[in-house]
Amino acid sequence: MTGVAGLGLAAFVSLRPQQPWILWLTAALVAFGVDGLVRAHPKWRSEGWFTSVVYVVLPALATLGIGYFIDEVANGYWRLAAVVVGTLGVGVVAYGQYHTVDVGSRLYGTMRLLLAMATYFTAFALYAVMFNRDIDLPLAGLAVAAVSMALSVEMLRESHLTGPSSLLVGLAIGVSLGELRLALYFLPLDGLFAGALLIIAFYLATGLVHHLLDRDLGWATAAEYIGVATVGTAAVLFTRVIL
């Protein structure tokens, strides 16, 4: 599956004229591959269609994010070098999804951390690309909302709220991020800075909601998240001003 991801990414960034269907087909194949992988786990227990879907969203979106981000920022031979790194990232995500099927696995904590990092990178890559590309503002807002909703479900799947109800929580986060994308239209930002602000908002929203669902959100935890988001936002805006 990792080999298929690598071939698809390499073809997408190399072929001219560009063939977007190759990247989308690669993402679909990765999703099907991860679905089969997690279902093959000895501890797999299916509780409906939603149980499987939450494992395949991140690998599929990561594949799309890697492909479009490489196409946006890399040139020449760096594109193929970035494909190698991105392919390894897809493999790590698939490996992590397999080992998080069993909550009692000794690798569960490490894999959840890696998957969280992959989720944030995927969100940043897609946010930056969607901001840079010439997409109509309403459609851009809807796209950011959809990506945010899907990735927030991945971030929150280990909370106490599972099943279709978690989709409503993800929808609330997605709507908030979509509205922020619309608001950023009025600021003089390029894709990377806008992506950074959106990922800070995504971090704040998912972090607070995760602790709220687990019923351990206190003033100290809320202040920590808000403080990190404030410092991060100030750093992004300051960097934008001096550049």
Foldseek 3Di string as FASTA:
>chain_A
DLVLLLVLLCCQLPDPPGDVVSLQVSLVVLLVVLLVLQCPAPLDDDDDPQVSLLLSLLLSLLSVLLSLLLNVPPDDPVSSVSSVVSSVLSVLSSVLSNQCSDVPRPCVVVSLVSSVVSLLSSQLSVQLSLQADPDPLVVSLLVQLVSQLSSLCNLQCVFPDDDPVSSVLSNVLSNVLSVVSSVCVPPPDHSNLRSQLSSLSSQLSSQQVNCVRNVNDDPVSNCVSVVVSVVSNVVSVVVVVVD
